[in-house]
């Protein structure tokens, strides 16, 4: 018999439920929702991220394996793969996007006075990270990547004080041209003076 709360339940306690429900109400996220509401949808996605699940099926199988502990984890119920898939397809992504921006706004001020190793500047410093995410070319025919495989590219702007993502852009994996286009647009959007000397892989 375990004592105290599970680690996952302790993490969930930091989620400002009221602010999340405001986003749900704004976009009517629980309209006609029967078996999986927006909050439990969020918890299951967080569970999958923390436990390094590689697919929706992995999330469902892991939760099913711990079915007797779901209440203690803070999750209302586990659902089948098809239910979680429909929720991802039909629920408005802006619910999670707005909530994510709210969390970033709350966290960034906590790191404003942090020192950046080997950098003696007090200005806000950003780093641009780019990575390719493989997708099924059969399901996402628009996401053409290299070698006839499907892929999208995610560009993330990180505030080096706390390594907090401040902006993310998803686009087709078009290589260096897409990267240069993104840098140009980000610099205009955020009024950042980019270092002229950059290495792009």
N, C-alpha and C. Protein backbone atom coordinates (compact mmCIF):
# COMPACT_ATOMS: atom_id res chain seq x y z
N UNK A 1 0.85 -1.20 0.00
CA UNK A 1 0.00 0.00 0.00
C UNK A 1 0.88 1.25 0.00
N UNK A 2 0.61 2.17 -0.92
CA UNK A 2 1.42 3.37 -1.01
C UNK A 2 1.00 4.39 0.03
N UNK A 3 1.92 5.26 0.39
CA UNK A 3 1.63 6.32 1.35
C UNK A 3 1.79 7.67 0.65
N UNK A 4 0.88 8.58 0.95
CA UNK A 4 0.95 9.90 0.33
C UNK A 4 0.39 9.90 -1.09
N UNK A 5 0.66 10.99 -1.80
CA UNK A 5 0.13 11.17 -3.15
C UNK A 5 1.13 10.71 -4.20
N UNK A 6 0.59 10.25 -5.31
CA UNK A 6 1.44 9.92 -6.45
C UNK A 6 2.08 11.20 -6.98
N UNK A 7 3.24 11.05 -7.62
CA UNK A 7 3.95 12.21 -8.18
C UNK A 7 3.08 12.91 -9.20
N UNK A 8 2.38 12.14 -10.03
CA UNK A 8 1.52 12.74 -11.05
C UNK A 8 0.43 13.59 -10.41
N UNK A 9 -0.16 13.10 -9.33
CA UNK A 9 -1.21 13.86 -8.64
C UNK A 9 -0.66 15.14 -8.05
N UNK A 10 0.59 15.13 -7.59
CA UNK A 10 1.21 16.34 -7.05
C UNK A 10 1.46 17.36 -8.15
N UNK A 11 1.83 16.89 -9.33
CA UNK A 11 2.04 17.79 -10.47
C UNK A 11 0.73 18.43 -10.90
N UNK A 12 -0.33 17.63 -10.93
CA UNK A 12 -1.64 18.11 -11.37
C UNK A 12 -2.17 19.21 -10.45
N UNK A 13 -1.77 19.17 -9.19
CA UNK A 13 -2.24 20.18 -8.23
C UNK A 13 -1.81 21.58 -8.64
N UNK A 14 -0.73 21.71 -9.42
CA UNK A 14 -0.26 23.03 -9.84
C UNK A 14 -1.06 23.59 -11.01
N UNK A 15 -1.94 22.81 -11.60
CA UNK A 15 -2.73 23.28 -12.74
C UNK A 15 -3.84 24.20 -12.23
N UNK A 16 -3.87 25.46 -12.66
CA UNK A 16 -4.96 26.36 -12.25
C UNK A 16 -6.26 25.99 -12.97
N UNK A 17 -7.04 25.18 -12.32
CA UNK A 17 -8.25 24.62 -12.95
C UNK A 17 -9.20 25.73 -13.42
N UNK A 18 -9.32 26.79 -12.63
CA UNK A 18 -10.25 27.86 -12.98
C UNK A 18 -9.87 28.49 -14.32
N UNK A 19 -8.58 28.75 -14.52
CA UNK A 19 -8.14 29.37 -15.77
C UNK A 19 -8.35 28.43 -16.95
N UNK A 20 -8.14 27.14 -16.72
CA UNK A 20 -8.36 26.19 -17.81
C UNK A 20 -9.84 26.13 -18.19
N UNK A 21 -10.70 26.14 -17.18
CA UNK A 21 -12.14 26.09 -17.46
C UNK A 21 -12.60 27.35 -18.19
N UNK A 22 -11.93 28.47 -17.99
CA UNK A 22 -12.26 29.68 -18.74
C UNK A 22 -11.99 29.48 -20.22
N UNK A 23 -10.89 28.81 -20.55
CA UNK A 23 -10.59 28.51 -21.95
C UNK A 23 -11.60 27.52 -22.53
N UNK A 24 -12.00 26.54 -21.72
CA UNK A 24 -12.99 25.56 -22.17
C UNK A 24 -14.32 26.25 -22.47
N UNK A 25 -14.72 27.15 -21.58
CA UNK A 25 -15.99 27.87 -21.78
C UNK A 25 -15.90 28.79 -22.99
N UNK A 26 -14.74 29.40 -23.20
CA UNK A 26 -14.57 30.34 -24.32
C UNK A 26 -14.77 29.65 -25.66
N UNK A 27 -14.30 28.42 -25.78
CA UNK A 27 -14.37 27.70 -27.05
C UNK A 27 -15.37 26.54 -27.03
N UNK A 28 -16.20 26.49 -25.99
CA UNK A 28 -17.25 25.46 -25.87
C UNK A 28 -16.65 24.06 -26.02
N UNK A 29 -15.59 23.81 -25.27
CA UNK A 29 -14.87 22.55 -25.41
C UNK A 29 -15.62 21.33 -24.93
N UNK A 30 -16.58 21.52 -23.99
CA UNK A 30 -17.32 20.37 -23.46
C UNK A 30 -18.71 20.25 -24.06
N UNK A 31 -18.95 20.99 -25.15
CA UNK A 31 -20.26 20.90 -25.81
C UNK A 31 -20.42 19.51 -26.43
N UNK A 32 -21.43 18.79 -26.02
CA UNK A 32 -21.73 17.43 -26.48
C UNK A 32 -20.67 16.42 -26.07
N UNK A 33 -19.84 16.77 -25.09
CA UNK A 33 -18.84 15.81 -24.60
C UNK A 33 -19.52 14.83 -23.64
N UNK A 34 -19.37 13.54 -23.91
CA UNK A 34 -20.04 12.52 -23.10
C UNK A 34 -19.07 11.76 -22.20
N UNK A 35 -18.06 11.17 -22.78
CA UNK A 35 -17.20 10.29 -21.99
C UNK A 35 -15.86 10.91 -21.62
N UNK A 36 -15.47 12.02 -22.27
CA UNK A 36 -14.16 12.61 -22.00
C UNK A 36 -14.27 14.13 -22.08
N UNK A 37 -14.29 14.78 -20.92
CA UNK A 37 -14.35 16.24 -20.94
C UNK A 37 -12.96 16.83 -21.16
N UNK A 38 -12.89 18.13 -21.29
CA UNK A 38 -11.64 18.79 -21.66
C UNK A 38 -10.56 18.63 -20.60
N UNK A 39 -10.94 18.70 -19.33
CA UNK A 39 -9.94 18.62 -18.26
C UNK A 39 -9.32 17.23 -18.20
N UNK A 40 -10.13 16.19 -18.30
CA UNK A 40 -9.59 14.83 -18.30
C UNK A 40 -8.80 14.56 -19.58
N UNK A 41 -9.20 15.19 -20.66
CA UNK A 41 -8.44 15.10 -21.90
C UNK A 41 -7.03 15.67 -21.68
N UNK A 42 -6.96 16.84 -21.03
CA UNK A 42 -5.68 17.46 -20.72
C UNK A 42 -4.82 16.56 -19.83
N UNK A 43 -5.42 15.97 -18.80
CA UNK A 43 -4.67 15.12 -17.87
C UNK A 43 -4.10 13.90 -18.57
N UNK A 44 -4.86 13.33 -19.49
CA UNK A 44 -4.37 12.15 -20.18
C UNK A 44 -3.22 12.48 -21.13
N UNK A 45 -3.28 13.66 -21.74
CA UNK A 45 -2.18 14.08 -22.61
C UNK A 45 -0.92 14.39 -21.78
N UNK A 46 -1.11 15.00 -20.61
CA UNK A 46 0.03 15.26 -19.72
C UNK A 46 0.64 13.96 -19.24
N UNK A 47 -0.22 12.99 -18.91
CA UNK A 47 0.26 11.68 -18.48
C UNK A 47 1.11 11.04 -19.58
N UNK A 48 0.65 11.13 -20.81
CA UNK A 48 1.39 10.57 -21.93
C UNK A 48 2.73 11.25 -22.14
N UNK A 49 2.78 12.56 -21.90
CA UNK A 49 4.03 13.30 -22.07
C UNK A 49 5.02 12.93 -20.97
N UNK A 50 4.57 12.87 -19.74
CA UNK A 50 5.46 12.58 -18.61
C UNK A 50 5.99 11.15 -18.67
N UNK A 51 5.15 10.23 -19.09
CA UNK A 51 5.55 8.82 -19.14
C UNK A 51 6.19 8.43 -20.46
N UNK A 52 6.42 9.42 -21.34
CA UNK A 52 7.10 9.19 -22.62
C UNK A 52 6.36 8.18 -23.50
N UNK A 53 5.05 8.25 -23.50
CA UNK A 53 4.26 7.40 -24.40
C UNK A 53 4.45 7.90 -25.84
N UNK A 54 4.54 6.97 -26.77
CA UNK A 54 4.81 7.34 -28.15
C UNK A 54 3.56 7.37 -29.03
N UNK A 55 2.41 7.02 -28.47
CA UNK A 55 1.17 7.02 -29.26
C UNK A 55 -0.02 7.12 -28.32
N UNK A 56 -1.17 7.41 -28.90
CA UNK A 56 -2.40 7.46 -28.11
C UNK A 56 -2.73 6.09 -27.53
N UNK A 57 -2.42 5.05 -28.29
CA UNK A 57 -2.68 3.70 -27.81
C UNK A 57 -1.84 3.39 -26.57
N UNK A 58 -0.59 3.88 -26.55
CA UNK A 58 0.26 3.70 -25.37
C UNK A 58 -0.35 4.36 -24.14
N UNK A 59 -0.89 5.57 -24.33
CA UNK A 59 -1.52 6.27 -23.21
C UNK A 59 -2.68 5.47 -22.65
N UNK A 60 -3.53 4.98 -23.54
CA UNK A 60 -4.71 4.22 -23.11
C UNK A 60 -4.31 2.92 -22.41
N UNK A 61 -3.30 2.23 -22.92
CA UNK A 61 -2.86 0.98 -22.31
C UNK A 61 -2.24 1.21 -20.94
N UNK A 62 -1.46 2.29 -20.80
CA UNK A 62 -0.84 2.60 -19.50
C UNK A 62 -1.90 2.94 -18.46
N UNK A 63 -2.88 3.74 -18.85
CA UNK A 63 -3.93 4.11 -17.91
C UNK A 63 -4.79 2.90 -17.54
N UNK A 64 -5.02 2.03 -18.51
CA UNK A 64 -5.79 0.83 -18.23
C UNK A 64 -5.04 -0.08 -17.27
N UNK A 65 -3.71 -0.13 -17.39
CA UNK A 65 -2.91 -0.97 -16.49
C UNK A 65 -2.96 -0.45 -15.06
N UNK A 66 -3.18 0.86 -14.89
CA UNK A 66 -3.26 1.47 -13.56
C UNK A 66 -4.69 1.89 -13.22
N UNK A 67 -5.64 1.14 -13.74
CA UNK A 67 -7.05 1.53 -13.60
C UNK A 67 -7.48 1.69 -12.15
N UNK A 68 -6.93 0.87 -11.26
CA UNK A 68 -7.32 0.93 -9.85
C UNK A 68 -6.77 2.18 -9.15
N UNK A 69 -5.79 2.83 -9.78
CA UNK A 69 -5.17 4.01 -9.15
C UNK A 69 -5.55 5.32 -9.83
N UNK A 70 -6.46 5.27 -10.81
CA UNK A 70 -6.80 6.47 -11.56
C UNK A 70 -7.34 7.58 -10.65
N UNK A 71 -8.15 7.21 -9.68
CA UNK A 71 -8.71 8.22 -8.76
C UNK A 71 -7.60 8.93 -8.01
N UNK A 72 -6.60 8.17 -7.57
CA UNK A 72 -5.49 8.76 -6.83
C UNK A 72 -4.58 9.59 -7.74
N UNK A 73 -4.58 9.28 -9.02
CA UNK A 73 -3.81 10.07 -9.98
C UNK A 73 -4.50 11.38 -10.32
N UNK A 74 -5.80 11.47 -10.05
CA UNK A 74 -6.56 12.66 -10.38
C UNK A 74 -7.29 12.56 -11.69
N UNK A 75 -7.23 11.40 -12.33
CA UNK A 75 -7.89 11.18 -13.62
C UNK A 75 -9.23 10.51 -13.37
N UNK A 76 -10.25 11.05 -14.00
CA UNK A 76 -11.60 10.55 -13.75
C UNK A 76 -11.78 9.13 -14.25
N UNK A 77 -11.35 8.87 -15.47
CA UNK A 77 -11.50 7.53 -16.05
C UNK A 77 -10.58 7.38 -17.24
N UNK A 78 -10.24 6.13 -17.54
CA UNK A 78 -9.48 5.88 -18.77
C UNK A 78 -10.46 5.65 -19.91
N UNK A 79 -10.03 5.95 -21.10
CA UNK A 79 -10.90 5.80 -22.27
C UNK A 79 -10.18 4.94 -23.29
N UNK A 80 -10.92 4.47 -24.27
CA UNK A 80 -10.34 3.65 -25.32
C UNK A 80 -9.63 4.56 -26.33
N UNK A 81 -8.82 3.93 -27.14
CA UNK A 81 -8.01 4.66 -28.11
C UNK A 81 -8.86 5.52 -29.05
N UNK A 82 -9.97 4.98 -29.52
CA UNK A 82 -10.80 5.71 -30.48
C UNK A 82 -11.42 6.97 -29.86
N UNK A 83 -11.77 6.92 -28.57
CA UNK A 83 -12.34 8.09 -27.90
C UNK A 83 -11.31 9.21 -27.78
N UNK A 84 -10.10 8.86 -27.40
CA UNK A 84 -9.04 9.86 -27.29
C UNK A 84 -8.68 10.42 -28.67
N UNK A 85 -8.73 9.58 -29.68
CA UNK A 85 -8.45 10.03 -31.05
C UNK A 85 -9.50 11.03 -31.52
N UNK A 86 -10.78 10.73 -31.25
CA UNK A 86 -11.85 11.66 -31.65
C UNK A 86 -11.75 12.97 -30.90
N UNK A 87 -11.36 12.90 -29.63
CA UNK A 87 -11.20 14.13 -28.84
C UNK A 87 -10.10 15.00 -29.43
N UNK A 88 -9.01 14.40 -29.84
CA UNK A 88 -7.92 15.17 -30.47
C UNK A 88 -8.35 15.78 -31.78
N UNK A 89 -9.19 15.07 -32.52
CA UNK A 89 -9.62 15.55 -33.83
C UNK A 89 -10.67 16.66 -33.72
N UNK A 90 -11.58 16.53 -32.76
CA UNK A 90 -12.75 17.40 -32.72
C UNK A 90 -12.67 18.55 -31.72
N UNK A 91 -11.90 18.38 -30.65
CA UNK A 91 -11.84 19.44 -29.64
C UNK A 91 -10.95 20.58 -30.14
N UNK A 92 -11.38 21.80 -29.88
CA UNK A 92 -10.67 22.98 -30.36
C UNK A 92 -9.29 23.08 -29.71
N UNK A 93 -8.26 23.09 -30.53
CA UNK A 93 -6.88 23.13 -30.01
C UNK A 93 -6.58 24.42 -29.27
N UNK A 94 -7.36 25.49 -29.55
CA UNK A 94 -7.09 26.77 -28.91
C UNK A 94 -7.36 26.74 -27.40
N UNK A 95 -8.10 25.74 -26.94
CA UNK A 95 -8.30 25.57 -25.49
C UNK A 95 -6.95 25.36 -24.82
N UNK A 96 -6.17 24.45 -25.36
CA UNK A 96 -4.87 24.13 -24.78
C UNK A 96 -3.83 25.20 -25.11
N UNK A 97 -3.97 25.81 -26.29
CA UNK A 97 -3.04 26.86 -26.69
C UNK A 97 -3.14 28.06 -25.77
N UNK A 98 -4.35 28.53 -25.51
CA UNK A 98 -4.54 29.69 -24.64
C UNK A 98 -4.10 29.40 -23.22
N UNK A 99 -4.38 28.18 -22.77
CA UNK A 99 -3.97 27.81 -21.42
C UNK A 99 -2.45 27.73 -21.32
N UNK A 100 -1.80 27.25 -22.37
CA UNK A 100 -0.35 27.20 -22.39
C UNK A 100 0.26 28.58 -22.34
N UNK A 101 -0.31 29.53 -23.10
CA UNK A 101 0.19 30.91 -23.08
C UNK A 101 0.01 31.53 -21.70
N UNK A 102 -1.10 31.21 -21.05
CA UNK A 102 -1.33 31.72 -19.69
C UNK A 102 -0.26 31.21 -18.73
N UNK A 103 0.07 29.92 -18.82
CA UNK A 103 1.08 29.35 -17.93
C UNK A 103 2.45 29.99 -18.19
N UNK A 104 2.77 30.23 -19.47
CA UNK A 104 4.05 30.86 -19.81
C UNK A 104 4.13 32.26 -19.21
N UNK A 105 3.03 33.01 -19.29
CA UNK A 105 3.00 34.35 -18.71
C UNK A 105 3.21 34.34 -17.21
N UNK A 106 2.74 33.28 -16.55
CA UNK A 106 2.89 33.17 -15.11
C UNK A 106 4.31 32.76 -14.71
N UNK A 107 4.94 31.96 -15.56
CA UNK A 107 6.24 31.38 -15.19
C UNK A 107 7.41 32.28 -15.56
N UNK A 108 7.37 32.94 -16.69
CA UNK A 108 8.51 33.72 -17.17
C UNK A 108 9.02 34.76 -16.16
N UNK A 109 8.15 35.51 -15.49
CA UNK A 109 8.65 36.50 -14.52
C UNK A 109 9.47 35.88 -13.38
N UNK A 110 9.29 34.60 -13.11
CA UNK A 110 10.02 33.96 -12.02
C UNK A 110 11.50 33.80 -12.33
N UNK A 111 11.86 33.88 -13.62
CA UNK A 111 13.24 33.64 -14.03
C UNK A 111 13.93 34.89 -14.59
N UNK A 112 13.31 36.05 -14.45
CA UNK A 112 13.87 37.26 -15.07
C UNK A 112 15.23 37.64 -14.50
N UNK A 113 15.51 37.27 -13.27
CA UNK A 113 16.78 37.64 -12.64
C UNK A 113 17.80 36.51 -12.69
N UNK A 114 17.45 35.41 -13.32
CA UNK A 114 18.40 34.30 -13.41
C UNK A 114 19.57 34.65 -14.34
N UNK A 115 20.73 34.16 -13.99
CA UNK A 115 21.92 34.37 -14.81
C UNK A 115 22.03 33.27 -15.87
N UNK A 116 22.47 33.68 -17.04
CA UNK A 116 22.71 32.72 -18.12
C UNK A 116 24.19 32.35 -18.10
N UNK A 117 24.52 31.08 -18.01
CA UNK A 117 25.93 30.67 -17.96
C UNK A 117 26.72 31.17 -19.16
N UNK A 118 27.89 31.73 -18.88
CA UNK A 118 28.85 32.21 -19.89
C UNK A 118 28.33 33.39 -20.71
N UNK A 119 27.24 34.02 -20.27
CA UNK A 119 26.70 35.19 -20.96
C UNK A 119 26.55 36.33 -19.96
N UNK A 120 27.21 37.44 -20.22
CA UNK A 120 27.16 38.57 -19.31
C UNK A 120 26.31 39.69 -19.91
N UNK A 121 25.05 39.41 -20.09
CA UNK A 121 24.09 40.38 -20.62
C UNK A 121 22.83 40.35 -19.79
N UNK A 122 22.25 41.53 -19.58
CA UNK A 122 21.02 41.61 -18.80
C UNK A 122 19.78 41.65 -19.68
N UNK A 123 19.98 41.75 -20.99
CA UNK A 123 18.84 41.77 -21.91
C UNK A 123 18.18 40.40 -21.98
N UNK A 124 16.95 40.39 -22.49
CA UNK A 124 16.28 39.12 -22.74
C UNK A 124 16.91 38.45 -23.96
N UNK A 125 17.36 37.22 -23.79
CA UNK A 125 18.06 36.51 -24.85
C UNK A 125 17.25 35.28 -25.24
N UNK A 126 17.08 35.10 -26.54
CA UNK A 126 16.31 33.98 -27.06
C UNK A 126 17.21 33.04 -27.85
N UNK A 127 16.81 31.80 -27.89
CA UNK A 127 17.45 30.81 -28.75
C UNK A 127 16.37 30.17 -29.61
N UNK A 128 16.69 29.94 -30.86
CA UNK A 128 15.74 29.34 -31.79
C UNK A 128 16.09 27.87 -31.99
N UNK A 129 15.15 27.02 -31.68
CA UNK A 129 15.35 25.57 -31.84
C UNK A 129 14.40 25.06 -32.91
N UNK A 130 14.91 24.22 -33.78
CA UNK A 130 14.09 23.67 -34.86
C UNK A 130 14.23 22.16 -34.89
N UNK A 131 13.11 21.47 -35.01
CA UNK A 131 13.14 20.01 -35.06
C UNK A 131 12.06 19.51 -36.00
N UNK A 132 12.31 18.38 -36.62
CA UNK A 132 11.34 17.76 -37.52
C UNK A 132 10.59 16.66 -36.79
N UNK A 133 9.29 16.59 -37.03
CA UNK A 133 8.44 15.58 -36.41
C UNK A 133 7.85 14.71 -37.52
N UNK A 134 8.10 13.42 -37.45
CA UNK A 134 7.61 12.51 -38.47
C UNK A 134 6.11 12.28 -38.32
N UNK A 135 5.40 12.27 -39.43
CA UNK A 135 3.97 11.98 -39.44
C UNK A 135 3.68 11.01 -40.58
N UNK A 136 2.51 10.43 -40.55
CA UNK A 136 2.11 9.50 -41.59
C UNK A 136 1.73 10.26 -42.86
N UNK A 137 2.42 9.99 -43.94
CA UNK A 137 2.12 10.67 -45.20
C UNK A 137 0.76 10.25 -45.73
N UNK A 138 0.27 9.10 -45.31
CA UNK A 138 -1.06 8.65 -45.74
C UNK A 138 -2.18 9.44 -45.06
N UNK A 139 -1.94 9.83 -43.79
CA UNK A 139 -2.95 10.58 -43.06
C UNK A 139 -2.79 12.08 -43.26
N UNK A 140 -1.56 12.55 -43.39
CA UNK A 140 -1.29 13.97 -43.59
C UNK A 140 -0.59 14.14 -44.94
N UNK A 141 -1.36 14.09 -46.00
CA UNK A 141 -0.79 14.15 -47.35
C UNK A 141 -0.15 15.51 -47.65
N UNK A 142 -0.53 16.54 -46.89
CA UNK A 142 0.00 17.88 -47.11
C UNK A 142 1.40 18.04 -46.50
N UNK A 143 1.78 17.11 -45.60
CA UNK A 143 3.05 17.26 -44.87
C UNK A 143 4.16 16.50 -45.57
N UNK A 144 4.55 16.97 -46.73
CA UNK A 144 5.60 16.28 -47.48
C UNK A 144 6.96 16.62 -46.90
N UNK A 145 7.77 15.59 -46.67
CA UNK A 145 9.11 15.79 -46.11
C UNK A 145 10.15 15.18 -47.02
N UNK A 146 11.31 14.88 -46.47
CA UNK A 146 12.38 14.29 -47.26
C UNK A 146 12.13 12.81 -47.48
N UNK A 147 12.67 12.30 -48.58
CA UNK A 147 12.64 10.87 -48.89
C UNK A 147 11.22 10.30 -48.91
N UNK A 148 10.27 11.10 -49.40
CA UNK A 148 8.88 10.67 -49.57
C UNK A 148 8.20 10.31 -48.25
N UNK A 149 8.73 10.83 -47.14
CA UNK A 149 8.10 10.60 -45.85
C UNK A 149 7.40 11.87 -45.40
N UNK A 150 6.39 11.70 -44.57
CA UNK A 150 5.67 12.85 -44.05
C UNK A 150 6.39 13.45 -42.86
N UNK A 151 6.40 14.78 -42.79
CA UNK A 151 7.05 15.44 -41.66
C UNK A 151 6.56 16.88 -41.56
N UNK A 152 6.56 17.39 -40.34
CA UNK A 152 6.33 18.81 -40.10
C UNK A 152 7.52 19.34 -39.32
N UNK A 153 7.76 20.61 -39.43
CA UNK A 153 8.88 21.21 -38.71
C UNK A 153 8.34 22.15 -37.64
N UNK A 154 8.88 22.03 -36.44
CA UNK A 154 8.47 22.89 -35.34
C UNK A 154 9.64 23.82 -34.98
N UNK A 155 9.39 25.11 -35.04
CA UNK A 155 10.37 26.12 -34.65
C UNK A 155 9.93 26.68 -33.30
N UNK A 156 10.79 26.60 -32.31
CA UNK A 156 10.46 27.06 -30.97
C UNK A 156 11.44 28.12 -30.52
N UNK A 157 10.91 29.23 -30.04
CA UNK A 157 11.72 30.31 -29.52
C UNK A 157 11.80 30.16 -28.00
N UNK A 158 13.03 29.98 -27.49
CA UNK A 158 13.24 29.73 -26.07
C UNK A 158 13.84 30.96 -25.39
N UNK A 159 13.24 31.33 -24.27
CA UNK A 159 13.84 32.34 -23.41
C UNK A 159 14.91 31.64 -22.59
N UNK A 160 16.17 32.03 -22.75
CA UNK A 160 17.26 31.32 -22.09
C UNK A 160 17.24 31.47 -20.57
N UNK A 161 16.52 32.44 -20.08
CA UNK A 161 16.37 32.55 -18.63
C UNK A 161 15.22 31.64 -18.20
N UNK A 162 15.55 30.41 -17.92
CA UNK A 162 14.54 29.43 -17.53
C UNK A 162 14.25 28.41 -18.61
N UNK A 163 14.80 28.63 -19.82
CA UNK A 163 14.55 27.73 -20.97
C UNK A 163 13.05 27.53 -21.18
N UNK A 164 12.33 28.62 -21.21
CA UNK A 164 10.88 28.58 -21.35
C UNK A 164 10.51 28.89 -22.79
N UNK A 165 9.71 28.05 -23.44
CA UNK A 165 9.27 28.36 -24.81
C UNK A 165 8.31 29.54 -24.81
N UNK A 166 8.59 30.53 -25.63
CA UNK A 166 7.74 31.71 -25.71
C UNK A 166 6.90 31.74 -26.97
N UNK A 167 7.32 30.99 -27.97
CA UNK A 167 6.59 30.95 -29.23
C UNK A 167 6.95 29.69 -30.00
N UNK A 168 5.95 29.06 -30.58
CA UNK A 168 6.18 27.87 -31.42
C UNK A 168 5.42 28.03 -32.72
N UNK A 169 6.06 27.64 -33.80
CA UNK A 169 5.44 27.70 -35.12
C UNK A 169 5.61 26.34 -35.79
N UNK A 170 4.51 25.80 -36.30
CA UNK A 170 4.54 24.54 -37.03
C UNK A 170 4.34 24.84 -38.51
N UNK A 171 5.14 24.18 -39.35
CA UNK A 171 4.98 24.33 -40.79
C UNK A 171 5.53 23.10 -41.49
N UNK A 172 5.32 23.04 -42.79
CA UNK A 172 5.82 21.91 -43.54
C UNK A 172 7.34 21.87 -43.50
N UNK A 173 7.89 20.67 -43.52
CA UNK A 173 9.35 20.51 -43.44
C UNK A 173 9.97 20.84 -44.79
N UNK A 174 10.31 22.11 -44.99
CA UNK A 174 10.86 22.56 -46.27
C UNK A 174 12.35 22.86 -46.19
N UNK A 175 12.98 22.47 -45.09
CA UNK A 175 14.42 22.64 -44.97
C UNK A 175 14.84 24.04 -44.58
N UNK A 176 16.02 24.45 -45.07
CA UNK A 176 16.64 25.71 -44.65
C UNK A 176 15.81 26.91 -45.06
N UNK A 177 15.13 26.85 -46.21
CA UNK A 177 14.32 27.98 -46.66
C UNK A 177 13.23 28.29 -45.65
N UNK A 178 12.60 27.23 -45.13
CA UNK A 178 11.57 27.43 -44.12
C UNK A 178 12.16 28.05 -42.86
N UNK A 179 13.37 27.63 -42.49
CA UNK A 179 14.03 28.17 -41.30
C UNK A 179 14.30 29.67 -41.48
N UNK A 180 14.83 30.05 -42.63
CA UNK A 180 15.14 31.45 -42.87
C UNK A 180 13.88 32.30 -42.89
N UNK A 181 12.82 31.76 -43.47
CA UNK A 181 11.55 32.48 -43.49
C UNK A 181 11.04 32.68 -42.08
N UNK A 182 11.16 31.66 -41.25
CA UNK A 182 10.68 31.74 -39.88
C UNK A 182 11.48 32.75 -39.07
N UNK A 183 12.81 32.75 -39.22
CA UNK A 183 13.65 33.70 -38.49
C UNK A 183 13.26 35.12 -38.86
N UNK A 184 13.05 35.38 -40.16
CA UNK A 184 12.69 36.71 -40.61
C UNK A 184 11.37 37.16 -40.00
N UNK A 185 10.38 36.26 -39.98
CA UNK A 185 9.07 36.63 -39.45
C UNK A 185 9.09 36.79 -37.95
N UNK A 186 9.83 35.92 -37.25
CA UNK A 186 9.91 36.03 -35.80
C UNK A 186 10.58 37.34 -35.39
N UNK A 187 11.61 37.73 -36.12
CA UNK A 187 12.31 38.96 -35.77
C UNK A 187 11.40 40.18 -35.95
N UNK A 188 10.53 40.13 -36.95
CA UNK A 188 9.60 41.23 -37.16
C UNK A 188 8.50 41.23 -36.10
N UNK A 189 8.04 40.03 -35.71
CA UNK A 189 6.96 39.92 -34.74
C UNK A 189 7.41 40.34 -33.35
N UNK A 190 8.64 40.00 -32.97
CA UNK A 190 9.10 40.23 -31.61
C UNK A 190 10.11 41.37 -31.51
N UNK A 191 10.42 42.02 -32.64
CA UNK A 191 11.37 43.13 -32.67
C UNK A 191 12.70 42.73 -32.02
N UNK A 192 13.21 41.57 -32.42
CA UNK A 192 14.47 41.06 -31.87
C UNK A 192 15.60 41.37 -32.84
N UNK A 193 16.73 41.82 -32.31
CA UNK A 193 17.93 42.01 -33.13
C UNK A 193 18.68 40.70 -33.18
N UNK A 194 18.54 40.05 -34.30
CA UNK A 194 19.16 38.74 -34.44
C UNK A 194 20.66 38.88 -34.69
N UNK A 195 21.41 37.98 -34.13
CA UNK A 195 22.85 37.94 -34.39
C UNK A 195 23.06 37.58 -35.85
N UNK A 196 23.91 38.35 -36.53
CA UNK A 196 24.10 38.14 -37.96
C UNK A 196 24.73 36.79 -38.25
N UNK A 197 25.55 36.36 -37.35
CA UNK A 197 26.26 35.09 -37.61
C UNK A 197 25.49 33.96 -36.98
N UNK A 198 24.90 33.12 -37.79
CA UNK A 198 24.09 31.98 -37.29
C UNK A 198 24.49 30.73 -38.04
N UNK A 199 24.38 29.62 -37.35
CA UNK A 199 24.65 28.32 -37.96
C UNK A 199 23.32 27.60 -38.11
N UNK A 200 23.00 27.17 -39.32
CA UNK A 200 21.74 26.49 -39.59
C UNK A 200 22.06 25.10 -40.12
N UNK A 201 21.52 24.10 -39.45
CA UNK A 201 21.75 22.73 -39.88
C UNK A 201 20.57 22.26 -40.69
